[in-house]
Amino acid sequence: MDEPAYVYLLGLYLGDGCLSGHPRDVYRLRISLDAKYPNIVSECARAMAAVSRRRVGRVHARGCIVVNAWWKHWLCLFPQHGPRRKHERVIELLPWQREIARSHPGRLLRGLIHSDGCRILNRVNGTDYPRYHFSNMSSDIRQIFCWTTCREELLSVARRRDVARLDMVVGPKT
């Protein structure tokens, strides 16, 4: 398996992904992305194709693009799937997922920020300072984000050194 592609896709799935069961044990993975960022949409499609080796489709909806693929093994790769919304159930990475995430933490952060994060400029005394924000209704997913970058209660990354590190792995949203 293409581990960097998988862990990036895992970050996207945890943020804006949905897994739906269909007849014959086939699942459809859908990642909803903002249409303003075509490069992120393309990166998501490439990652999905690299992981599944399946044809990846794009559905244009109002203000967003849904990248999707059908495959029997999505459930194996995203065991966090379950009834109810993600913020209403426990979301934990399995040991094998944690191992891959530890090997490629930047790719996980990139996926999480591309789905539920942003880079902003914070103005202090007339000077702009960049910072990253990450927002997700699931405390478990917020904890996964913090496991890699910051203290558990902090979802804003503002220290110059930390912002520079995130800039290297996340890059601009385009």
N, C-alpha and C. Protein backbone atom coordinates (compact mmCIF):
# COMPACT_ATOMS: atom_id res chain seq x y z
N MET A 1 0.85 -1.19 0.00
CA MET A 1 0.00 0.00 0.00
C MET A 1 0.89 1.24 0.00
N ASP A 2 0.44 2.25 -0.67
CA ASP A 2 1.13 3.54 -0.70
C ASP A 2 0.82 4.24 0.63
N GLU A 3 1.72 4.10 1.61
CA GLU A 3 1.46 4.62 2.95
C GLU A 3 1.29 6.13 3.01
N PRO A 4 2.14 6.94 2.35
CA PRO A 4 1.91 8.39 2.40
C PRO A 4 0.55 8.79 1.82
N ALA A 5 0.14 8.14 0.73
CA ALA A 5 -1.18 8.44 0.15
C ALA A 5 -2.28 8.03 1.13
N TYR A 6 -2.12 6.86 1.77
CA TYR A 6 -3.13 6.39 2.70
C TYR A 6 -3.29 7.33 3.89
N VAL A 7 -2.18 7.72 4.50
CA VAL A 7 -2.29 8.54 5.71
C VAL A 7 -2.84 9.93 5.37
N TYR A 8 -2.54 10.46 4.18
CA TYR A 8 -3.14 11.72 3.74
C TYR A 8 -4.65 11.53 3.57
N LEU A 9 -5.05 10.43 2.94
CA LEU A 9 -6.46 10.13 2.74
C LEU A 9 -7.16 9.91 4.09
N LEU A 10 -6.47 9.30 5.05
CA LEU A 10 -7.03 9.12 6.39
C LEU A 10 -7.34 10.48 7.02
N GLY A 11 -6.43 11.44 6.89
CA GLY A 11 -6.68 12.78 7.41
C GLY A 11 -7.89 13.42 6.75
N LEU A 12 -8.00 13.28 5.43
CA LEU A 12 -9.16 13.82 4.72
C LEU A 12 -10.45 13.12 5.16
N TYR A 13 -10.38 11.79 5.29
CA TYR A 13 -11.56 11.03 5.72
C TYR A 13 -12.03 11.45 7.11
N LEU A 14 -11.10 11.61 8.03
CA LEU A 14 -11.48 12.00 9.38
C LEU A 14 -12.13 13.37 9.40
N GLY A 15 -11.73 14.24 8.49
CA GLY A 15 -12.33 15.57 8.43
C GLY A 15 -13.63 15.59 7.65
N ASP A 16 -13.54 15.36 6.37
CA ASP A 16 -14.70 15.54 5.48
C ASP A 16 -15.07 14.29 4.70
N GLY A 17 -14.76 13.12 5.25
CA GLY A 17 -15.02 11.88 4.54
C GLY A 17 -16.25 11.16 5.03
N CYS A 18 -16.76 10.31 4.16
CA CYS A 18 -17.95 9.52 4.46
C CYS A 18 -17.80 8.17 3.76
N LEU A 19 -18.12 7.12 4.47
CA LEU A 19 -18.07 5.77 3.91
C LEU A 19 -19.49 5.21 3.94
N SER A 20 -19.96 4.74 2.79
CA SER A 20 -21.33 4.22 2.68
C SER A 20 -21.30 2.79 2.17
N GLY A 21 -22.05 1.92 2.84
CA GLY A 21 -22.17 0.54 2.41
C GLY A 21 -23.20 0.39 1.31
N HIS A 22 -22.93 -0.52 0.39
CA HIS A 22 -23.83 -0.79 -0.74
C HIS A 22 -23.94 -2.31 -0.92
N PRO A 23 -24.83 -2.76 -1.80
CA PRO A 23 -24.98 -4.21 -2.00
C PRO A 23 -23.66 -4.88 -2.38
N ARG A 24 -23.58 -6.16 -2.08
CA ARG A 24 -22.42 -7.01 -2.37
C ARG A 24 -21.16 -6.56 -1.60
N ASP A 25 -21.36 -5.99 -0.44
CA ASP A 25 -20.26 -5.56 0.42
C ASP A 25 -19.30 -4.58 -0.23
N VAL A 26 -19.82 -3.75 -1.11
CA VAL A 26 -19.02 -2.70 -1.74
C VAL A 26 -19.27 -1.40 -0.98
N TYR A 27 -18.21 -0.65 -0.77
CA TYR A 27 -18.31 0.62 -0.06
C TYR A 27 -17.92 1.76 -0.98
N ARG A 28 -18.52 2.89 -0.72
CA ARG A 28 -18.19 4.11 -1.48
C ARG A 28 -17.58 5.11 -0.51
N LEU A 29 -16.33 5.48 -0.79
CA LEU A 29 -15.67 6.52 -0.01
C LEU A 29 -15.91 7.84 -0.72
N ARG A 30 -16.39 8.82 0.05
CA ARG A 30 -16.61 10.17 -0.48
C ARG A 30 -15.89 11.17 0.39
N ILE A 31 -15.15 12.05 -0.25
CA ILE A 31 -14.48 13.15 0.45
C ILE A 31 -15.03 14.44 -0.16
N SER A 32 -15.66 15.27 0.66
CA SER A 32 -16.21 16.54 0.18
C SER A 32 -15.18 17.64 0.39
N LEU A 33 -14.86 18.34 -0.70
CA LEU A 33 -13.83 19.37 -0.65
C LEU A 33 -14.34 20.66 -1.26
N ASP A 34 -13.80 21.76 -0.79
CA ASP A 34 -14.18 23.08 -1.29
C ASP A 34 -13.72 23.23 -2.74
N ALA A 35 -14.63 23.63 -3.60
CA ALA A 35 -14.32 23.79 -5.03
C ALA A 35 -13.30 24.90 -5.28
N LYS A 36 -13.06 25.77 -4.29
CA LYS A 36 -12.08 26.86 -4.45
C LYS A 36 -10.65 26.35 -4.49
N TYR A 37 -10.44 25.09 -4.12
CA TYR A 37 -9.09 24.55 -4.02
C TYR A 37 -8.90 23.35 -4.95
N PRO A 38 -8.78 23.60 -6.26
CA PRO A 38 -8.68 22.50 -7.23
C PRO A 38 -7.44 21.63 -7.03
N ASN A 39 -6.35 22.19 -6.52
CA ASN A 39 -5.15 21.36 -6.31
C ASN A 39 -5.36 20.35 -5.18
N ILE A 40 -6.11 20.75 -4.16
CA ILE A 40 -6.43 19.81 -3.07
C ILE A 40 -7.35 18.71 -3.60
N VAL A 41 -8.31 19.08 -4.43
CA VAL A 41 -9.21 18.09 -5.03
C VAL A 41 -8.40 17.09 -5.85
N SER A 42 -7.46 17.58 -6.64
CA SER A 42 -6.63 16.69 -7.47
C SER A 42 -5.74 15.80 -6.60
N GLU A 43 -5.17 16.36 -5.53
CA GLU A 43 -4.32 15.57 -4.64
C GLU A 43 -5.13 14.47 -3.96
N CYS A 44 -6.34 14.79 -3.56
CA CYS A 44 -7.22 13.80 -2.95
C CYS A 44 -7.51 12.67 -3.94
N ALA A 45 -7.84 13.03 -5.18
CA ALA A 45 -8.16 12.02 -6.20
C ALA A 45 -6.95 11.13 -6.47
N ARG A 46 -5.76 11.73 -6.52
CA ARG A 46 -4.54 10.93 -6.75
C ARG A 46 -4.30 9.96 -5.58
N ALA A 47 -4.50 10.45 -4.36
CA ALA A 47 -4.30 9.59 -3.19
C ALA A 47 -5.31 8.45 -3.17
N MET A 48 -6.56 8.76 -3.48
CA MET A 48 -7.60 7.74 -3.49
C MET A 48 -7.30 6.67 -4.54
N ALA A 49 -6.86 7.09 -5.72
CA ALA A 49 -6.51 6.15 -6.78
C ALA A 49 -5.27 5.33 -6.41
N ALA A 50 -4.29 5.96 -5.77
CA ALA A 50 -3.07 5.24 -5.39
C ALA A 50 -3.36 4.18 -4.34
N VAL A 51 -4.27 4.46 -3.42
CA VAL A 51 -4.59 3.51 -2.36
C VAL A 51 -5.47 2.38 -2.87
N SER A 52 -6.47 2.71 -3.66
CA SER A 52 -7.46 1.71 -4.07
C SER A 52 -7.17 1.07 -5.43
N ARG A 53 -6.40 1.77 -6.23
CA ARG A 53 -6.18 1.33 -7.63
C ARG A 53 -7.51 1.15 -8.36
N ARG A 54 -8.43 2.05 -8.03
CA ARG A 54 -9.75 2.06 -8.66
C ARG A 54 -9.95 3.39 -9.36
N ARG A 55 -10.94 3.39 -10.24
CA ARG A 55 -11.30 4.64 -10.92
C ARG A 55 -11.92 5.58 -9.89
N VAL A 56 -11.49 6.82 -9.92
CA VAL A 56 -11.96 7.82 -8.97
C VAL A 56 -12.83 8.82 -9.72
N GLY A 57 -13.99 9.10 -9.16
CA GLY A 57 -14.90 10.06 -9.78
C GLY A 57 -14.96 11.36 -9.01
N ARG A 58 -15.50 12.35 -9.66
CA ARG A 58 -15.71 13.66 -9.03
C ARG A 58 -17.13 14.10 -9.33
N VAL A 59 -17.84 14.49 -8.30
CA VAL A 59 -19.20 14.99 -8.45
C VAL A 59 -19.20 16.45 -8.01
N HIS A 60 -19.64 17.31 -8.91
CA HIS A 60 -19.69 18.74 -8.60
C HIS A 60 -21.03 19.06 -7.95
N ALA A 61 -20.94 19.65 -6.79
CA ALA A 61 -22.13 20.09 -6.07
C ALA A 61 -21.97 21.58 -5.80
N ARG A 62 -22.94 22.17 -5.19
CA ARG A 62 -22.91 23.60 -4.94
C ARG A 62 -21.74 23.98 -4.02
N GLY A 63 -20.72 24.61 -4.57
CA GLY A 63 -19.58 25.07 -3.79
C GLY A 63 -18.57 24.01 -3.40
N CYS A 64 -18.84 22.75 -3.77
CA CYS A 64 -17.88 21.71 -3.39
C CYS A 64 -17.76 20.67 -4.49
N ILE A 65 -16.74 19.87 -4.35
CA ILE A 65 -16.51 18.73 -5.25
C ILE A 65 -16.36 17.51 -4.36
N VAL A 66 -17.12 16.48 -4.67
CA VAL A 66 -17.05 15.23 -3.91
C VAL A 66 -16.21 14.25 -4.72
N VAL A 67 -15.07 13.87 -4.16
CA VAL A 67 -14.19 12.88 -4.77
C VAL A 67 -14.61 11.53 -4.21
N ASN A 68 -14.81 10.53 -5.10
CA ASN A 68 -15.33 9.27 -4.60
C ASN A 68 -14.81 8.08 -5.40
N ALA A 69 -14.83 6.93 -4.75
CA ALA A 69 -14.46 5.67 -5.39
C ALA A 69 -15.19 4.53 -4.69
N TRP A 70 -15.50 3.49 -5.45
CA TRP A 70 -16.19 2.31 -4.94
C TRP A 70 -15.15 1.19 -4.79
N TRP A 71 -15.21 0.48 -3.64
CA TRP A 71 -14.24 -0.59 -3.42
C TRP A 71 -14.68 -1.44 -2.23
N LYS A 72 -14.45 -2.72 -2.30
CA LYS A 72 -14.83 -3.61 -1.20
C LYS A 72 -13.97 -3.41 0.04
N HIS A 73 -12.77 -2.90 -0.11
CA HIS A 73 -11.84 -2.86 1.01
C HIS A 73 -11.75 -1.53 1.75
N TRP A 74 -12.60 -0.57 1.41
CA TRP A 74 -12.55 0.71 2.15
C TRP A 74 -12.77 0.48 3.64
N LEU A 75 -13.69 -0.40 3.98
CA LEU A 75 -14.00 -0.65 5.39
C LEU A 75 -12.77 -1.18 6.14
N CYS A 76 -11.94 -1.97 5.47
CA CYS A 76 -10.71 -2.48 6.10
C CYS A 76 -9.75 -1.34 6.39
N LEU A 77 -9.69 -0.36 5.50
CA LEU A 77 -8.74 0.74 5.64
C LEU A 77 -9.25 1.86 6.54
N PHE A 78 -10.57 1.95 6.70
CA PHE A 78 -11.17 2.99 7.54
C PHE A 78 -12.11 2.33 8.55
N PRO A 79 -11.56 1.58 9.50
CA PRO A 79 -12.41 0.89 10.48
C PRO A 79 -13.13 1.85 11.42
N GLN A 80 -12.85 3.13 11.33
CA GLN A 80 -13.56 4.13 12.14
C GLN A 80 -15.00 4.31 11.66
N HIS A 81 -15.34 3.76 10.51
CA HIS A 81 -16.70 3.85 9.98
C HIS A 81 -17.67 3.22 10.98
N GLY A 82 -18.83 3.82 11.09
CA GLY A 82 -19.85 3.27 11.97
C GLY A 82 -21.11 4.08 11.90
N PRO A 83 -22.12 3.67 12.66
CA PRO A 83 -23.37 4.42 12.67
C PRO A 83 -23.19 5.77 13.36
N ARG A 84 -24.02 6.69 13.03
CA ARG A 84 -24.02 8.05 13.58
C ARG A 84 -22.85 8.86 13.03
N ARG A 85 -22.89 10.13 13.34
CA ARG A 85 -21.84 11.04 12.90
C ARG A 85 -20.56 10.79 13.68
N LYS A 86 -19.43 11.19 13.08
CA LYS A 86 -18.14 10.92 13.73
C LYS A 86 -18.04 11.54 15.12
N HIS A 87 -18.60 12.73 15.30
CA HIS A 87 -18.49 13.36 16.62
C HIS A 87 -19.41 12.73 17.66
N GLU A 88 -20.26 11.80 17.25
CA GLU A 88 -21.17 11.12 18.17
C GLU A 88 -20.69 9.72 18.55
N ARG A 89 -19.52 9.33 18.06
CA ARG A 89 -18.99 8.00 18.37
C ARG A 89 -17.48 8.10 18.63
N VAL A 90 -16.93 7.05 19.17
CA VAL A 90 -15.50 7.01 19.46
C VAL A 90 -14.73 6.84 18.15
N ILE A 91 -13.71 7.67 17.98
CA ILE A 91 -12.83 7.57 16.82
C ILE A 91 -11.41 7.37 17.35
N GLU A 92 -10.88 6.19 17.11
CA GLU A 92 -9.51 5.88 17.52
C GLU A 92 -8.79 5.23 16.36
N LEU A 93 -7.51 5.54 16.25
CA LEU A 93 -6.69 4.87 15.25
C LEU A 93 -6.29 3.50 15.80
N LEU A 94 -6.36 2.50 14.95
CA LEU A 94 -5.90 1.17 15.35
C LEU A 94 -4.37 1.17 15.39
N PRO A 95 -3.76 0.22 16.07
CA PRO A 95 -2.29 0.21 16.17
C PRO A 95 -1.58 0.30 14.83
N TRP A 96 -2.06 -0.41 13.80
CA TRP A 96 -1.39 -0.36 12.50
C TRP A 96 -1.54 1.02 11.86
N GLN A 97 -2.67 1.71 12.12
CA GLN A 97 -2.84 3.06 11.60
C GLN A 97 -1.92 4.04 12.32
N ARG A 98 -1.81 3.88 13.64
CA ARG A 98 -0.90 4.74 14.40
C ARG A 98 0.54 4.58 13.92
N GLU A 99 0.92 3.36 13.62
CA GLU A 99 2.28 3.10 13.12
C GLU A 99 2.53 3.83 11.79
N ILE A 100 1.58 3.75 10.88
CA ILE A 100 1.73 4.45 9.60
C ILE A 100 1.72 5.96 9.82
N ALA A 101 0.84 6.44 10.70
CA ALA A 101 0.77 7.88 10.98
C ALA A 101 2.07 8.38 11.60
N ARG A 102 2.67 7.57 12.46
CA ARG A 102 3.97 7.96 13.06
C ARG A 102 5.06 8.02 12.00
N SER A 103 4.95 7.16 10.99
CA SER A 103 5.95 7.16 9.92
C SER A 103 5.78 8.35 8.98
N HIS A 104 4.56 8.88 8.87
CA HIS A 104 4.26 9.98 7.93
C HIS A 104 3.38 11.03 8.61
N PRO A 105 3.81 11.62 9.72
CA PRO A 105 2.95 12.57 10.44
C PRO A 105 2.59 13.80 9.61
N GLY A 106 3.49 14.25 8.76
CA GLY A 106 3.20 15.42 7.92
C GLY A 106 2.07 15.18 6.95
N ARG A 107 1.98 13.97 6.43
CA ARG A 107 0.90 13.64 5.49
C ARG A 107 -0.45 13.61 6.22
N LEU A 108 -0.47 13.09 7.46
CA LEU A 108 -1.71 13.09 8.24
C LEU A 108 -2.14 14.52 8.52
N LEU A 109 -1.20 15.35 8.97
CA LEU A 109 -1.52 16.75 9.24
C LEU A 109 -2.01 17.46 7.99
N ARG A 110 -1.37 17.19 6.87
CA ARG A 110 -1.78 17.80 5.60
C ARG A 110 -3.24 17.45 5.29
N GLY A 111 -3.60 16.17 5.43
CA GLY A 111 -4.98 15.76 5.19
C GLY A 111 -5.97 16.39 6.15
N LEU A 112 -5.61 16.42 7.44
CA LEU A 112 -6.50 17.02 8.43
C LEU A 112 -6.69 18.52 8.17
N ILE A 113 -5.61 19.23 7.87
CA ILE A 113 -5.73 20.67 7.63
C ILE A 113 -6.42 20.95 6.30
N HIS A 114 -6.15 20.13 5.28
CA HIS A 114 -6.85 20.32 4.02
C HIS A 114 -8.35 20.11 4.17
N SER A 115 -8.77 19.30 5.12
CA SER A 115 -10.20 19.07 5.29
C SER A 115 -10.82 20.03 6.30
N ASP A 116 -10.23 20.17 7.47
CA ASP A 116 -10.86 20.94 8.55
C ASP A 116 -9.97 22.01 9.15
N GLY A 117 -9.03 22.49 8.39
CA GLY A 117 -8.12 23.49 8.93
C GLY A 117 -7.93 24.66 8.00
N CYS A 118 -7.19 25.63 8.47
CA CYS A 118 -6.88 26.79 7.65
C CYS A 118 -5.62 27.47 8.17
N ARG A 119 -5.03 28.26 7.32
CA ARG A 119 -3.89 29.10 7.70
C ARG A 119 -4.37 30.53 7.58
N ILE A 120 -4.23 31.29 8.64
CA ILE A 120 -4.71 32.66 8.65
C ILE A 120 -3.57 33.59 9.07
N LEU A 121 -3.82 34.87 8.91
CA LEU A 121 -2.90 35.88 9.43
C LEU A 121 -3.55 36.53 10.63
N ASN A 122 -2.84 36.54 11.74
CA ASN A 122 -3.32 37.15 12.97
C ASN A 122 -2.60 38.49 13.12
N ARG A 123 -3.34 39.58 13.19
CA ARG A 123 -2.73 40.91 13.30
C ARG A 123 -2.57 41.28 14.77
N VAL A 124 -1.31 41.54 15.15
CA VAL A 124 -0.98 41.94 16.52
C VAL A 124 -0.15 43.22 16.43
N ASN A 125 -0.68 44.29 16.99
CA ASN A 125 0.02 45.59 16.99
C ASN A 125 0.49 45.99 15.59
N GLY A 126 -0.36 45.78 14.61
CA GLY A 126 -0.05 46.19 13.25
C GLY A 126 0.83 45.23 12.47
N THR A 127 1.23 44.12 13.06
CA THR A 127 2.07 43.14 12.38
C THR A 127 1.28 41.85 12.18
N ASP A 128 1.37 41.29 10.97
CA ASP A 128 0.68 40.04 10.67
C ASP A 128 1.55 38.84 11.04
N TYR A 129 0.96 37.91 11.77
CA TYR A 129 1.63 36.68 12.14
C TYR A 129 0.77 35.51 11.64
N PRO A 130 1.38 34.61 10.87
CA PRO A 130 0.58 33.46 10.39
C PRO A 130 0.32 32.47 11.52
N ARG A 131 -0.78 31.78 11.42
CA ARG A 131 -1.11 30.71 12.36
C ARG A 131 -2.03 29.72 11.66
N TYR A 132 -2.10 28.54 12.19
CA TYR A 132 -3.00 27.51 11.68
C TYR A 132 -4.11 27.29 12.69
N HIS A 133 -5.30 27.08 12.18
CA HIS A 133 -6.44 26.69 13.02
C HIS A 133 -6.93 25.35 12.53
N PHE A 134 -7.38 24.53 13.46
CA PHE A 134 -7.99 23.25 13.13
C PHE A 134 -9.26 23.13 13.94
N SER A 135 -10.35 22.80 13.28
CA SER A 135 -11.64 22.72 13.95
C SER A 135 -12.37 21.46 13.50
N ASN A 136 -12.80 20.66 14.45
CA ASN A 136 -13.59 19.47 14.16
C ASN A 136 -14.46 19.22 15.37
N MET A 137 -15.71 18.82 15.16
CA MET A 137 -16.64 18.61 16.26
C MET A 137 -16.27 17.40 17.13
N SER A 138 -15.49 16.48 16.59
CA SER A 138 -15.12 15.28 17.33
C SER A 138 -13.89 15.55 18.21
N SER A 139 -14.05 15.37 19.50
CA SER A 139 -12.91 15.56 20.40
C SER A 139 -11.83 14.52 20.11
N ASP A 140 -12.23 13.32 19.67
CA ASP A 140 -11.26 12.29 19.33
C ASP A 140 -10.40 12.70 18.13
N ILE A 141 -11.03 13.30 17.13
CA ILE A 141 -10.27 13.74 15.95
C ILE A 141 -9.39 14.93 16.31
N ARG A 142 -9.89 15.82 17.15
CA ARG A 142 -9.03 16.93 17.61
C ARG A 142 -7.82 16.39 18.35
N GLN A 143 -8.02 15.33 19.11
CA GLN A 143 -6.90 14.74 19.85
C GLN A 143 -5.90 14.09 18.89
N ILE A 144 -6.37 13.48 17.82
CA ILE A 144 -5.46 12.92 16.80
C ILE A 144 -4.61 14.04 16.21
N PHE A 145 -5.23 15.18 15.94
CA PHE A 145 -4.48 16.33 15.42
C PHE A 145 -3.44 16.79 16.44
N CYS A 146 -3.84 16.91 17.68
CA CYS A 146 -2.93 17.40 18.73
C CYS A 146 -1.82 16.41 19.04
N TRP A 147 -2.08 15.13 18.87
CA TRP A 147 -1.05 14.12 19.11
C TRP A 147 0.18 14.40 18.26
N THR A 148 -0.02 15.00 17.12
CA THR A 148 1.10 15.22 16.22
C THR A 148 1.69 16.62 16.33
N THR A 149 0.97 17.60 16.88
CA THR A 149 1.48 18.96 16.79
C THR A 149 1.47 19.79 18.06
N CYS A 150 0.57 19.58 18.96
CA CYS A 150 0.41 20.56 20.04
C CYS A 150 -0.18 19.91 21.28
N ARG A 151 -0.29 20.69 22.33
CA ARG A 151 -0.95 20.19 23.53
C ARG A 151 -2.40 19.85 23.23
N GLU A 152 -2.93 18.94 24.02
CA GLU A 152 -4.28 18.43 23.77
C GLU A 152 -5.35 19.51 23.69
N GLU A 153 -5.26 20.52 24.54
CA GLU A 153 -6.33 21.52 24.57
C GLU A 153 -6.15 22.63 23.52
N LEU A 154 -5.06 22.63 22.82
CA LEU A 154 -4.74 23.73 21.90
C LEU A 154 -4.99 23.32 20.46
N LEU A 155 -5.84 24.06 19.77
CA LEU A 155 -6.13 23.77 18.37
C LEU A 155 -5.74 24.93 17.46
N SER A 156 -4.90 25.79 17.97
CA SER A 156 -4.36 26.89 17.19
C SER A 156 -2.84 26.78 17.28
N VAL A 157 -2.19 26.73 16.15
CA VAL A 157 -0.73 26.63 16.11
C VAL A 157 -0.20 27.99 15.69
N ALA A 158 0.46 28.68 16.62
CA ALA A 158 0.85 30.06 16.36
C ALA A 158 2.34 30.33 16.55
N ARG A 159 3.06 29.47 17.27
CA ARG A 159 4.49 29.73 17.46
C ARG A 159 5.19 29.71 16.10
N ARG A 160 6.04 30.68 15.87
CA ARG A 160 6.70 30.86 14.58
C ARG A 160 7.34 29.56 14.08
N ARG A 161 8.07 28.87 14.96
CA ARG A 161 8.75 27.63 14.58
C ARG A 161 7.75 26.55 14.15
N ASP A 162 6.63 26.43 14.89
CA ASP A 162 5.62 25.42 14.57
C ASP A 162 4.88 25.75 13.28
N VAL A 163 4.59 27.03 13.07
CA VAL A 163 3.94 27.45 11.83
C VAL A 163 4.86 27.15 10.64
N ALA A 164 6.15 27.42 10.78
CA ALA A 164 7.10 27.15 9.71
C ALA A 164 7.16 25.66 9.40
N ARG A 165 7.11 24.82 10.45
CA ARG A 165 7.10 23.35 10.22
C ARG A 165 5.85 22.93 9.49
N LEU A 166 4.69 23.48 9.89
CA LEU A 166 3.45 23.13 9.19
C LEU A 166 3.45 23.65 7.75
N ASP A 167 4.02 24.84 7.55
CA ASP A 167 4.12 25.36 6.19
C ASP A 167 4.87 24.40 5.28
N MET A 168 5.88 23.72 5.83
CA MET A 168 6.67 22.79 5.03
C MET A 168 5.87 21.56 4.62
N VAL A 169 4.97 21.08 5.48
CA VAL A 169 4.23 19.85 5.16
C VAL A 169 2.84 20.12 4.58
N VAL A 170 2.25 21.26 4.92
CA VAL A 170 0.90 21.54 4.44
C VAL A 170 0.94 22.37 3.17
N GLY A 171 1.74 23.41 3.17
CA GLY A 171 1.79 24.29 2.01
C GLY A 171 0.52 25.12 1.90
N PRO A 172 0.46 25.94 0.89
CA PRO A 172 -0.73 26.79 0.72
C PRO A 172 -1.93 25.98 0.25
N LYS A 173 -3.10 26.41 0.65
CA LYS A 173 -4.33 25.79 0.15
C LYS A 173 -4.60 26.37 -1.23
N THR A 174 -4.51 25.52 -2.25
CA THR A 174 -4.78 25.99 -3.62
C THR A 174 -5.65 25.00 -4.34
